[in-house]
Amino acid sequence: MLDQLRAMGVFACVVEKSSFSGAARNLGITTSAVSQQIRSLEQEMDVTLLHRSTRKLSLTEAGQAFFHSCQEMLAAAERGKIRINELRDDLIGDLRIATTPELGAFHVIPALSHWMSAHRGLSVHFEADHRYIDLIEGRIDIAIRMSQRIDDQSLNAIPMARVDQVLVASPSYLNQSAPISRPEDLANHDLIPINLMNGYQDFSFQHASSGERVDLQMKNRLQTNNVFIAKALCQQGHGVARILYLDVQKELINGSLVEVLPDWNLPAFNLYALTQKREQQPMKIHRCLDALKQYFGQLPGGRNLLEAC
């Protein structure tokens, strides 16, 4: 098929230049190669496309009809080339972003809101789910994921931010419960886990100053797969929750939740933007990543949120 398309391009060039030698010069090949391409076309279709004489070339009736088809093919190929260049270099077409509902609502949408308004040629689709989405099968351009590390070597992992896990509880719960001054005191308290996390009952603490480590398990009576539910249960005084700082920043600021054991650190996570590995990324992906980096690089948070290296 490709050989035939190439031969059609050669034939169209011969007609436009009115000579085999002119087409050869234009295409950068030999005159004999041009002649061979035309002969192959005529033999394959069992027609004569050109009347040849020592003075000039002229089209047969079949050649005239075929030339119009060749022109349409070349015009379509040129339109396709232009479209590919536009999609590669301009902020147009589709952009598919995968994230979790919490990150999407609280951070990804705010990060991209002005950027999306400025580029009306982009159609942006957000896939918000806690399940792992394969970037190729899901046709995902950018996935925003929270993880301690990314082991998939088929992906580009661009670090956006380093995010702490924090233990939180409502002021009313803490006022009515046994005091918590060390990790071991948590044995007297109920955990409200988000069960999407592996080993959600297991805790590994390290003291910020002394470096002392404490590992323990907490019991739980209630659990959920949703951060919003965990926060609601926590705010209603049902126990202590381990939540990413990004997800409780507002509640800690307004005082509806209080950090428990602030001098003890839990393992931190990294926020990554993941893309497929390819030689050339479309400009829309580069510009979207720039907007995300700018947003996450400016988030406040003291010790809780540090710019990723």
C-alpha atoms as a PDB file:
ATOM      1  CA  MET A   1       0.000   0.000   0.000  1.00  0.00           C
ATOM      2  CA  LEU A   2       2.776   2.439   0.895  1.00  0.00           C
ATOM      3  CA  ASP A   3       4.579   1.656  -2.387  1.00  0.00           C
ATOM      4  CA  GLN A   4       1.403   2.437  -4.322  1.00  0.00           C
ATOM      5  CA  LEU A   5       0.860   5.699  -2.450  1.00  0.00           C
ATOM      6  CA  ARG A   6       4.464   6.665  -3.138  1.00  0.00           C
ATOM      7  CA  ALA A   7       4.011   5.875  -6.832  1.00  0.00           C
ATOM      8  CA  MET A   8       0.842   7.988  -6.936  1.00  0.00           C
ATOM      9  CA  GLY A   9       2.840  10.922  -5.567  1.00  0.00           C
ATOM     10  CA  VAL A  10       5.491  10.401  -8.252  1.00  0.00           C
ATOM     11  CA  PHE A  11       2.815  10.258 -10.965  1.00  0.00           C
ATOM     12  CA  ALA A  12       1.223  13.502  -9.766  1.00  0.00           C
ATOM     13  CA  CYS A  13       4.625  15.196  -9.776  1.00  0.00           C
ATOM     14  CA  VAL A  14       5.304  13.999 -13.364  1.00  0.00           C
ATOM     15  CA  VAL A  15       2.021  15.517 -14.512  1.00  0.00           C
ATOM     16  CA  GLU A  16       2.651  18.797 -12.677  1.00  0.00           C
ATOM     17  CA  LYS A  17       6.211  19.108 -14.074  1.00  0.00           C
ATOM     18  CA  SER A  18       5.178  17.770 -17.528  1.00  0.00           C
ATOM     19  CA  SER A  19       8.309  15.641 -17.655  1.00  0.00           C
ATOM     20  CA  PHE A  20      10.012  12.682 -16.072  1.00  0.00           C
ATOM     21  CA  SER A  21      13.269  14.578 -15.616  1.00  0.00           C
ATOM     22  CA  GLY A  22      11.535  17.559 -13.967  1.00  0.00           C
ATOM     23  CA  ALA A  23       9.783  15.230 -11.537  1.00  0.00           C
ATOM     24  CA  ALA A  24      13.063  13.456 -10.810  1.00  0.00           C
ATOM     25  CA  ARG A  25      14.798  16.739  -9.967  1.00  0.00           C
ATOM     26  CA  ASN A  26      11.896  17.807  -7.730  1.00  0.00           C
ATOM     27  CA  LEU A  27      11.780  14.488  -5.889  1.00  0.00           C
ATOM     28  CA  GLY A  28      15.549  14.013  -5.640  1.00  0.00           C
ATOM     29  CA  ILE A  29      15.561  10.639  -7.419  1.00  0.00           C
ATOM     30  CA  THR A  30      16.748   9.428 -10.818  1.00  0.00           C
ATOM     31  CA  THR A  31      14.724   9.714 -14.018  1.00  0.00           C
ATOM     32  CA  SER A  32      14.833   5.932 -14.413  1.00  0.00           C
ATOM     33  CA  ALA A  33      13.344   5.536 -10.941  1.00  0.00           C
ATOM     34  CA  VAL A  34      10.495   7.854 -11.938  1.00  0.00           C
ATOM     35  CA  SER A  35       9.874   5.825 -15.102  1.00  0.00           C
ATOM     36  CA  GLN A  36       9.846   2.587 -13.105  1.00  0.00           C
ATOM     37  CA  GLN A  37       7.239   3.974 -10.686  1.00  0.00           C
ATOM     38  CA  ILE A  38       4.929   4.990 -13.564  1.00  0.00           C
ATOM     39  CA  ARG A  39       5.362   1.617 -15.318  1.00  0.00           C
ATOM     40  CA  SER A  40       4.534  -0.196 -12.076  1.00  0.00           C
ATOM     41  CA  LEU A  41       1.329   1.799 -11.677  1.00  0.00           C
ATOM     42  CA  GLU A  42       0.250   1.126 -15.256  1.00  0.00           C
ATOM     43  CA  GLN A  43       1.019  -2.575 -14.991  1.00  0.00           C
ATOM     44  CA  GLU A  44      -0.776  -2.910 -11.656  1.00  0.00           C
ATOM     45  CA  MET A  45      -3.932  -1.179 -12.938  1.00  0.00           C
ATOM     46  CA  ASP A  46      -3.608  -2.530 -16.507  1.00  0.00           C
ATOM     47  CA  VAL A  47      -4.133   0.917 -18.062  1.00  0.00           C
ATOM     48  CA  THR A  48      -2.058   3.523 -19.864  1.00  0.00           C
ATOM     49  CA  LEU A  49      -1.822   6.710 -17.838  1.00  0.00           C
ATOM     50  CA  LEU A  50       0.454   8.798 -20.064  1.00  0.00           C
ATOM     51  CA  HIS A  51       0.968   9.263 -23.778  1.00  0.00           C
ATOM     52  CA  ARG A  52       4.709   9.573 -24.250  1.00  0.00           C
ATOM     53  CA  SER A  53       6.385  11.325 -27.166  1.00  0.00           C
ATOM     54  CA  THR A  54       9.754  12.900 -27.768  1.00  0.00           C
ATOM     55  CA  ARG A  55       8.230  16.375 -27.354  1.00  0.00           C
ATOM     56  CA  LYS A  56       5.779  16.098 -24.484  1.00  0.00           C
ATOM     57  CA  LEU A  57       3.704  13.988 -22.155  1.00  0.00           C
ATOM     58  CA  SER A  58      -0.081  13.983 -22.205  1.00  0.00           C
ATOM     59  CA  LEU A  59      -2.671  12.308 -20.037  1.00  0.00           C
ATOM     60  CA  THR A  60      -4.937   9.567 -21.247  1.00  0.00           C
ATOM     61  CA  GLU A  61      -8.575   9.614 -20.148  1.00  0.00           C
ATOM     62  CA  ALA A  62      -7.732   7.117 -17.426  1.00  0.00           C
ATOM     63  CA  GLY A  63      -4.663   9.150 -16.521  1.00  0.00           C
ATOM     64  CA  GLN A  64      -6.747  12.312 -16.158  1.00  0.00           C
ATOM     65  CA  ALA A  65      -9.177  10.616 -13.764  1.00  0.00           C
ATOM     66  CA  PHE A  66      -6.313   9.042 -11.810  1.00  0.00           C
ATOM     67  CA  PHE A  67      -4.493  12.372 -11.560  1.00  0.00           C
ATOM     68  CA  HIS A  68      -7.513  13.935  -9.841  1.00  0.00           C
ATOM     69  CA  SER A  69      -7.535  11.066  -7.334  1.00  0.00           C
ATOM     70  CA  CYS A  70      -3.822  11.546  -6.725  1.00  0.00           C
ATOM     71  CA  GLN A  71      -4.349  15.262  -6.105  1.00  0.00           C
ATOM     72  CA  GLU A  72      -7.087  14.483  -3.572  1.00  0.00           C
ATOM     73  CA  MET A  73      -4.825  11.963  -1.834  1.00  0.00           C
ATOM     74  CA  LEU A  74      -1.924  14.413  -1.608  1.00  0.00           C
ATOM     75  CA  ALA A  75      -4.212  17.174  -0.340  1.00  0.00           C
ATOM     76  CA  ALA A  76      -5.593  14.828   2.343  1.00  0.00           C
ATOM     77  CA  ALA A  77      -2.048  13.837   3.349  1.00  0.00           C
ATOM     78  CA  GLU A  78      -1.071  17.492   3.636  1.00  0.00           C
ATOM     79  CA  ARG A  79      -4.135  18.246   5.754  1.00  0.00           C
ATOM     80  CA  GLY A  80      -3.235  15.306   7.977  1.00  0.00           C
ATOM     81  CA  LYS A  81       0.324  16.580   8.329  1.00  0.00           C
ATOM     82  CA  ILE A  82      -0.900  20.058   9.248  1.00  0.00           C
ATOM     83  CA  ARG A  83      -3.317  18.597  11.797  1.00  0.00           C
ATOM     84  CA  ILE A  84      -0.575  16.491  13.380  1.00  0.00           C
ATOM     85  CA  ASN A  85       1.667  19.547  13.652  1.00  0.00           C
ATOM     86  CA  GLU A  86      -1.187  21.517  15.228  1.00  0.00           C
ATOM     87  CA  LEU A  87      -1.847  18.777  17.780  1.00  0.00           C
ATOM     88  CA  ARG A  88       1.857  18.548  18.568  1.00  0.00           C
ATOM     89  CA  ASP A  89       2.624  22.263  18.752  1.00  0.00           C
ATOM     90  CA  ASP A  90      -0.669  24.006  19.577  1.00  0.00           C
ATOM     91  CA  LEU A  91      -3.007  23.856  22.550  1.00  0.00           C
ATOM     92  CA  ILE A  92      -5.899  22.200  20.740  1.00  0.00           C
ATOM     93  CA  GLY A  93      -7.586  18.803  20.639  1.00  0.00           C
ATOM     94  CA  ASP A  94      -8.249  16.462  23.556  1.00  0.00           C
ATOM     95  CA  LEU A  95      -6.429  16.309  26.889  1.00  0.00           C
ATOM     96  CA  ARG A  96      -7.247  13.476  29.293  1.00  0.00           C
ATOM     97  CA  ILE A  97      -6.240  13.746  32.955  1.00  0.00           C
ATOM     98  CA  ALA A  98      -6.616  10.999  35.581  1.00  0.00           C
ATOM     99  CA  THR A  99      -6.642  11.776  39.298  1.00  0.00           C
ATOM    100  CA  THR A 100      -8.470  10.929  42.523  1.00  0.00           C
ATOM    101  CA  PRO A 101     -11.754  12.697  43.340  1.00  0.00           C
ATOM    102  CA  GLU A 102     -10.150  14.497  46.301  1.00  0.00           C
ATOM    103  CA  LEU A 103      -7.055  15.715  44.451  1.00  0.00           C
ATOM    104  CA  GLY A 104      -9.175  16.621  41.447  1.00  0.00           C
ATOM    105  CA  ALA A 105     -11.722  18.692  43.365  1.00  0.00           C
ATOM    106  CA  PHE A 106      -9.362  20.357  45.845  1.00  0.00           C
ATOM    107  CA  HIS A 107      -6.232  20.885  43.764  1.00  0.00           C
ATOM    108  CA  VAL A 108      -6.127  19.810  40.108  1.00  0.00           C
ATOM    109  CA  ILE A 109      -9.185  21.865  39.074  1.00  0.00           C
ATOM    110  CA  PRO A 110      -7.965  24.996  40.934  1.00  0.00           C
ATOM    111  CA  ALA A 111      -4.492  24.478  39.452  1.00  0.00           C
ATOM    112  CA  LEU A 112      -5.793  24.345  35.869  1.00  0.00           C
ATOM    113  CA  SER A 113      -8.872  26.573  36.024  1.00  0.00           C
ATOM    114  CA  HIS A 114      -7.372  29.778  34.556  1.00  0.00           C
ATOM    115  CA  TRP A 115      -5.237  27.782  32.133  1.00  0.00           C
ATOM    116  CA  MET A 116      -8.272  25.938  30.752  1.00  0.00           C
ATOM    117  CA  SER A 117     -10.176  29.212  30.362  1.00  0.00           C
ATOM    118  CA  ALA A 118      -7.284  30.690  28.400  1.00  0.00           C
ATOM    119  CA  HIS A 119      -7.132  27.792  25.920  1.00  0.00           C
ATOM    120  CA  ARG A 120     -10.620  27.274  24.556  1.00  0.00           C
ATOM    121  CA  GLY A 121      -9.355  24.989  21.786  1.00  0.00           C
ATOM    122  CA  LEU A 122      -8.679  22.241  24.320  1.00  0.00           C
ATOM    123  CA  SER A 123     -11.298  19.658  25.273  1.00  0.00           C
ATOM    124  CA  VAL A 124     -10.286  18.461  28.760  1.00  0.00           C
ATOM    125  CA  HIS A 125     -11.606  15.218  30.243  1.00  0.00           C
ATOM    126  CA  PHE A 126     -11.038  14.389  33.918  1.00  0.00           C
ATOM    127  CA  GLU A 127     -11.104  10.718  34.940  1.00  0.00           C
ATOM    128  CA  ALA A 128     -11.569  10.797  38.732  1.00  0.00           C
ATOM    129  CA  ASP A 129     -11.233   7.433  40.436  1.00  0.00           C
ATOM    130  CA  HIS A 130      -9.232   5.681  43.141  1.00  0.00           C
ATOM    131  CA  ARG A 131      -8.511   2.675  40.936  1.00  0.00           C
ATOM    132  CA  TYR A 132      -5.308   2.368  38.933  1.00  0.00           C
ATOM    133  CA  ILE A 133      -5.860   3.499  35.350  1.00  0.00           C
ATOM    134  CA  ASP A 134      -3.504   2.249  32.646  1.00  0.00           C
ATOM    135  CA  LEU A 135      -2.374   5.332  30.729  1.00  0.00           C
ATOM    136  CA  ILE A 136      -2.288   3.567  27.357  1.00  0.00           C
ATOM    137  CA  GLU A 137      -5.567   1.659  27.684  1.00  0.00           C
ATOM    138  CA  GLY A 138      -7.333   4.684  29.179  1.00  0.00           C
ATOM    139  CA  ARG A 139      -5.786   7.071  26.616  1.00  0.00           C
ATOM    140  CA  ILE A 140      -4.608   9.185  29.556  1.00  0.00           C
ATOM    141  CA  ASP A 141      -2.225  12.062  28.832  1.00  0.00           C
ATOM    142  CA  ILE A 142      -1.423  12.957  32.463  1.00  0.00           C
ATOM    143  CA  ALA A 143      -2.127  10.997  35.648  1.00  0.00           C
ATOM    144  CA  ILE A 144      -1.818  12.702  39.049  1.00  0.00           C
ATOM    145  CA  ARG A 145      -0.897  10.101  41.688  1.00  0.00           C
ATOM    146  CA  MET A 146       0.213  10.087  45.291  1.00  0.00           C
ATOM    147  CA  SER A 147       2.820   7.468  46.119  1.00  0.00           C
ATOM    148  CA  GLN A 148       6.011   6.954  48.106  1.00  0.00           C
ATOM    149  CA  ARG A 149       7.723   6.006  44.846  1.00  0.00           C
ATOM    150  CA  ILE A 150       6.945   5.125  41.218  1.00  0.00           C
ATOM    151  CA  ASP A 151       8.497   1.858  40.027  1.00  0.00           C
ATOM    152  CA  ASP A 152       6.950   1.700  36.537  1.00  0.00           C
ATOM    153  CA  GLN A 153       9.867   2.322  34.159  1.00  0.00           C
ATOM    154  CA  SER A 154       7.519   2.782  31.186  1.00  0.00           C
ATOM    155  CA  LEU A 155       6.300   6.117  32.606  1.00  0.00           C
ATOM    156  CA  ASN A 156       7.809   9.551  33.094  1.00  0.00           C
ATOM    157  CA  ALA A 157       7.298  10.490  36.751  1.00  0.00           C
ATOM    158  CA  ILE A 158       7.475  14.258  37.356  1.00  0.00           C
ATOM    159  CA  PRO A 159       7.532  15.108  41.095  1.00  0.00           C
ATOM    160  CA  MET A 160       5.115  17.911  42.006  1.00  0.00           C
ATOM    161  CA  ALA A 161       5.205  18.025  45.800  1.00  0.00           C
ATOM    162  CA  ARG A 162       6.160  16.116  48.936  1.00  0.00           C
ATOM    163  CA  VAL A 163       3.168  15.614  51.203  1.00  0.00           C
ATOM    164  CA  ASP A 164       3.021  14.509  54.835  1.00  0.00           C
ATOM    165  CA  GLN A 165       0.538  12.160  56.381  1.00  0.00           C
ATOM    166  CA  VAL A 166      -0.955  13.608  59.559  1.00  0.00           C
ATOM    167  CA  LEU A 167      -3.064  12.238  62.405  1.00  0.00           C
ATOM    168  CA  VAL A 168      -6.103  14.408  63.109  1.00  0.00           C
ATOM    169  CA  ALA A 169      -9.040  14.501  65.482  1.00  0.00           C
ATOM    170  CA  SER A 170     -11.753  16.967  66.457  1.00  0.00           C
ATOM    171  CA  PRO A 171     -11.157  19.252  69.457  1.00  0.00           C
ATOM    172  CA  SER A 172     -14.262  17.808  71.148  1.00  0.00           C
ATOM    173  CA  TYR A 173     -12.925  14.245  70.775  1.00  0.00           C
ATOM    174  CA  LEU A 174      -9.554  15.168  72.258  1.00  0.00           C
ATOM    175  CA  ASN A 175     -11.172  17.005  75.175  1.00  0.00           C
ATOM    176  CA  GLN A 176     -13.301  13.985  76.084  1.00  0.00           C
ATOM    177  CA  SER A 177     -10.719  11.202  75.513  1.00  0.00           C
ATOM    178  CA  ALA A 178      -7.541   9.944  77.152  1.00  0.00           C
ATOM    179  CA  PRO A 179      -4.569  12.248  76.464  1.00  0.00           C
ATOM    180  CA  ILE A 180      -2.221  11.466  73.573  1.00  0.00           C
ATOM    181  CA  SER A 181       1.396  12.473  74.177  1.00  0.00           C
ATOM    182  CA  ARG A 182       3.204   9.498  72.625  1.00  0.00           C
ATOM    183  CA  PRO A 183       2.327   7.039  69.840  1.00  0.00           C
ATOM    184  CA  GLU A 184       1.730   4.256  72.387  1.00  0.00           C
ATOM    185  CA  ASP A 185      -1.197   6.261  73.794  1.00  0.00           C
ATOM    186  CA  LEU A 186      -3.099   5.608  70.571  1.00  0.00           C
ATOM    187  CA  ALA A 187      -3.826   2.071  71.834  1.00  0.00           C
ATOM    188  CA  ASN A 188      -6.620   3.673  73.876  1.00  0.00           C
ATOM    189  CA  HIS A 189      -8.225   5.300  70.829  1.00  0.00           C
ATOM    190  CA  ASP A 190     -10.211   4.291  67.744  1.00  0.00           C
ATOM    191  CA  LEU A 191      -8.791   4.749  64.266  1.00  0.00           C
ATOM    192  CA  ILE A 192     -10.964   5.917  61.369  1.00  0.00           C
ATOM    193  CA  PRO A 193      -8.981   4.415  58.487  1.00  0.00           C
ATOM    194  CA  ILE A 194      -9.223   5.064  54.777  1.00  0.00           C
ATOM    195  CA  ASN A 195      -8.987   1.452  53.683  1.00  0.00           C
ATOM    196  CA  LEU A 196      -7.569   2.252  50.252  1.00  0.00           C
ATOM    197  CA  MET A 197      -4.160   2.349  51.922  1.00  0.00           C
ATOM    198  CA  ASN A 198      -2.217  -0.887  52.262  1.00  0.00           C
ATOM    199  CA  GLY A 199      -1.697  -1.789  55.915  1.00  0.00           C
ATOM    200  CA  TYR A 200      -4.058   0.991  56.989  1.00  0.00           C
ATOM    201  CA  GLN A 201      -3.916  -0.178  60.642  1.00  0.00           C
ATOM    202  CA  ASP A 202      -0.091  -0.132  60.738  1.00  0.00           C
ATOM    203  CA  PHE A 203       1.788   2.969  61.853  1.00  0.00           C
ATOM    204  CA  SER A 204       5.476   3.840  61.826  1.00  0.00           C
ATOM    205  CA  PHE A 205       6.344   7.018  63.739  1.00  0.00           C
ATOM    206  CA  GLN A 206       9.654   8.864  63.967  1.00  0.00           C
ATOM    207  CA  HIS A 207      10.231  11.705  66.411  1.00  0.00           C
ATOM    208  CA  ALA A 208      11.171  14.893  64.585  1.00  0.00           C
ATOM    209  CA  SER A 209      13.947  15.849  67.021  1.00  0.00           C
ATOM    210  CA  SER A 210      15.309  12.678  68.628  1.00  0.00           C
ATOM    211  CA  GLY A 211      14.778  10.310  65.701  1.00  0.00           C
ATOM    212  CA  GLU A 212      13.147   7.743  68.012  1.00  0.00           C
ATOM    213  CA  ARG A 213      10.997   5.231  66.099  1.00  0.00           C
ATOM    214  CA  VAL A 214       7.770   3.601  67.262  1.00  0.00           C
ATOM    215  CA  ASP A 215       5.763   1.013  65.306  1.00  0.00           C
ATOM    216  CA  LEU A 216       2.252   0.022  66.321  1.00  0.00           C
ATOM    217  CA  GLN A 217      -1.153  -1.134  65.163  1.00  0.00           C
ATOM    218  CA  MET A 218      -4.400   0.672  65.897  1.00  0.00           C
ATOM    219  CA  LYS A 219      -7.806  -0.908  66.272  1.00  0.00           C
ATOM    220  CA  ASN A 220     -10.793   0.328  64.333  1.00  0.00           C
ATOM    221  CA  ARG A 221     -14.555  -0.065  64.479  1.00  0.00           C
ATOM    222  CA  LEU A 222     -15.392   2.271  61.577  1.00  0.00           C
ATOM    223  CA  GLN A 223     -13.711   2.504  58.187  1.00  0.00           C
ATOM    224  CA  THR A 224     -14.279   4.001  54.736  1.00  0.00           C
ATOM    225  CA  ASN A 225     -12.738   4.181  51.269  1.00  0.00           C
ATOM    226  CA  ASN A 226     -13.373   7.922  51.004  1.00  0.00           C
ATOM    227  CA  VAL A 227     -11.489  10.903  52.455  1.00  0.00           C
ATOM    228  CA  PHE A 228     -14.638  13.026  52.695  1.00  0.00           C
ATOM    229  CA  ILE A 229     -16.349  10.376  54.847  1.00  0.00           C
ATOM    230  CA  ALA A 230     -13.253   9.936  57.029  1.00  0.00           C
ATOM    231  CA  LYS A 231     -13.116  13.671  57.679  1.00  0.00           C
ATOM    232  CA  ALA A 232     -16.832  13.819  58.467  1.00  0.00           C
ATOM    233  CA  LEU A 233     -16.556  10.939  60.944  1.00  0.00           C
ATOM    234  CA  CYS A 234     -13.510  12.555  62.497  1.00  0.00           C
ATOM    235  CA  GLN A 235     -15.198  15.959  62.814  1.00  0.00           C
ATOM    236  CA  GLN A 236     -18.160  14.300  64.533  1.00  0.00           C
ATOM    237  CA  GLY A 237     -15.839  12.926  67.218  1.00  0.00           C
ATOM    238  CA  HIS A 238     -15.710   9.243  66.261  1.00  0.00           C
ATOM    239  CA  GLY A 239     -11.939   8.812  66.504  1.00  0.00           C
ATOM    240  CA  VAL A 240      -8.538   9.639  65.030  1.00  0.00           C
ATOM    241  CA  ALA A 241      -7.863   9.638  61.287  1.00  0.00           C
ATOM    242  CA  ARG A 242      -4.648   9.411  59.281  1.00  0.00           C
ATOM    243  CA  ILE A 243      -5.056  11.688  56.260  1.00  0.00           C
ATOM    244  CA  LEU A 244      -2.748  13.359  53.751  1.00  0.00           C
ATOM    245  CA  TYR A 245      -2.025  16.945  54.712  1.00  0.00           C
ATOM    246  CA  LEU A 246      -3.319  18.202  51.357  1.00  0.00           C
ATOM    247  CA  ASP A 247      -6.738  16.730  52.171  1.00  0.00           C
ATOM    248  CA  VAL A 248      -7.122  18.354  55.639  1.00  0.00           C
ATOM    249  CA  GLN A 249      -5.266  21.630  55.203  1.00  0.00           C
ATOM    250  CA  LYS A 250      -8.438  23.755  55.371  1.00  0.00           C
ATOM    251  CA  GLU A 251      -9.814  21.938  58.414  1.00  0.00           C
ATOM    252  CA  LEU A 252      -6.536  22.375  60.292  1.00  0.00           C
ATOM    253  CA  ILE A 253      -6.546  26.090  59.458  1.00  0.00           C
ATOM    254  CA  ASN A 254     -10.166  26.661  60.535  1.00  0.00           C
ATOM    255  CA  GLY A 255      -9.753  24.541  63.672  1.00  0.00           C
ATOM    256  CA  SER A 256     -12.444  21.947  62.990  1.00  0.00           C
ATOM    257  CA  LEU A 257      -9.643  19.344  63.143  1.00  0.00           C
ATOM    258  CA  VAL A 258      -6.452  19.356  65.193  1.00  0.00           C
ATOM    259  CA  GLU A 259      -3.184  17.567  64.443  1.00  0.00           C
ATOM    260  CA  VAL A 260      -2.405  14.744  66.873  1.00  0.00           C
ATOM    261  CA  LEU A 261       1.233  14.077  67.845  1.00  0.00           C
ATOM    262  CA  PRO A 262       2.657  16.971  65.770  1.00  0.00           C
ATOM    263  CA  ASP A 263       6.205  16.172  66.951  1.00  0.00           C
ATOM    264  CA  TRP A 264       6.034  12.678  65.477  1.00  0.00           C
ATOM    265  CA  ASN A 265       6.343  12.138  61.704  1.00  0.00           C
ATOM    266  CA  LEU A 266       4.651   9.492  59.590  1.00  0.00           C
ATOM    267  CA  PRO A 267       6.171   8.396  56.243  1.00  0.00           C
ATOM    268  CA  ALA A 268       5.640  11.074  53.608  1.00  0.00           C
ATOM    269  CA  PHE A 269       4.255  10.653  50.103  1.00  0.00           C
ATOM    270  CA  ASN A 270       5.233  12.252  46.820  1.00  0.00           C
ATOM    271  CA  LEU A 271       2.721  13.761  44.431  1.00  0.00           C
ATOM    272  CA  TYR A 272       3.630  12.835  40.858  1.00  0.00           C
ATOM    273  CA  ALA A 273       2.411  13.763  37.404  1.00  0.00           C
ATOM    274  CA  LEU A 274       2.821  10.702  35.177  1.00  0.00           C
ATOM    275  CA  THR A 275       3.021  10.698  31.381  1.00  0.00           C
ATOM    276  CA  GLN A 276       3.808   8.066  28.793  1.00  0.00           C
ATOM    277  CA  LYS A 277       7.417   7.861  27.663  1.00  0.00           C
ATOM    278  CA  ARG A 278       7.772   9.094  24.079  1.00  0.00           C
ATOM    279  CA  GLU A 279      10.314  11.088  22.127  1.00  0.00           C
ATOM    280  CA  GLN A 280       8.075  14.132  21.626  1.00  0.00           C
ATOM    281  CA  GLN A 281       5.304  15.156  23.995  1.00  0.00           C
ATOM    282  CA  PRO A 282       2.542  17.370  22.560  1.00  0.00           C
ATOM    283  CA  MET A 283       2.842  21.003  23.605  1.00  0.00           C
ATOM    284  CA  LYS A 284      -0.521  20.815  25.438  1.00  0.00           C
ATOM    285  CA  ILE A 285       0.995  18.237  27.837  1.00  0.00           C
ATOM    286  CA  HIS A 286       4.083  20.393  28.468  1.00  0.00           C
ATOM    287  CA  ARG A 287       1.960  23.469  29.160  1.00  0.00           C
ATOM    288  CA  CYS A 288      -0.445  21.565  31.420  1.00  0.00           C
ATOM    289  CA  LEU A 289       2.491  20.233  33.454  1.00  0.00           C
ATOM    290  CA  ASP A 290       3.843  23.786  33.757  1.00  0.00           C
ATOM    291  CA  ALA A 291       0.511  24.962  35.195  1.00  0.00           C
ATOM    292  CA  LEU A 292       0.439  22.075  37.688  1.00  0.00           C
ATOM    293  CA  LYS A 293       4.037  22.705  38.779  1.00  0.00           C
ATOM    294  CA  GLN A 294       3.332  26.392  39.318  1.00  0.00           C
ATOM    295  CA  TYR A 295       0.290  25.636  41.488  1.00  0.00           C
ATOM    296  CA  PHE A 296       1.810  22.916  43.653  1.00  0.00           C
ATOM    297  CA  GLY A 297       5.073  24.854  43.997  1.00  0.00           C
ATOM    298  CA  GLN A 298       3.197  27.735  45.633  1.00  0.00           C
ATOM    299  CA  LEU A 299       1.082  25.792  48.137  1.00  0.00           C
ATOM    300  CA  PRO A 300       1.729  26.840  51.759  1.00  0.00           C
ATOM    301  CA  GLY A 301       2.303  24.275  54.445  1.00  0.00           C
ATOM    302  CA  GLY A 302       5.502  24.683  56.468  1.00  0.00           C
ATOM    303  CA  ARG A 303       6.884  21.294  57.385  1.00  0.00           C
ATOM    304  CA  ASN A 304       3.850  19.539  55.920  1.00  0.00           C
ATOM    305  CA  LEU A 305       4.473  20.392  52.283  1.00  0.00           C
ATOM    306  CA  LEU A 306       7.946  20.750  50.861  1.00  0.00           C
ATOM    307  CA  GLU A 307       8.811  21.287  47.236  1.00  0.00           C
ATOM    308  CA  ALA A 308       9.952  18.005  45.743  1.00  0.00           C
ATOM    309  CA  CYS A 309      13.521  17.757  44.580  1.00  0.00           C
END
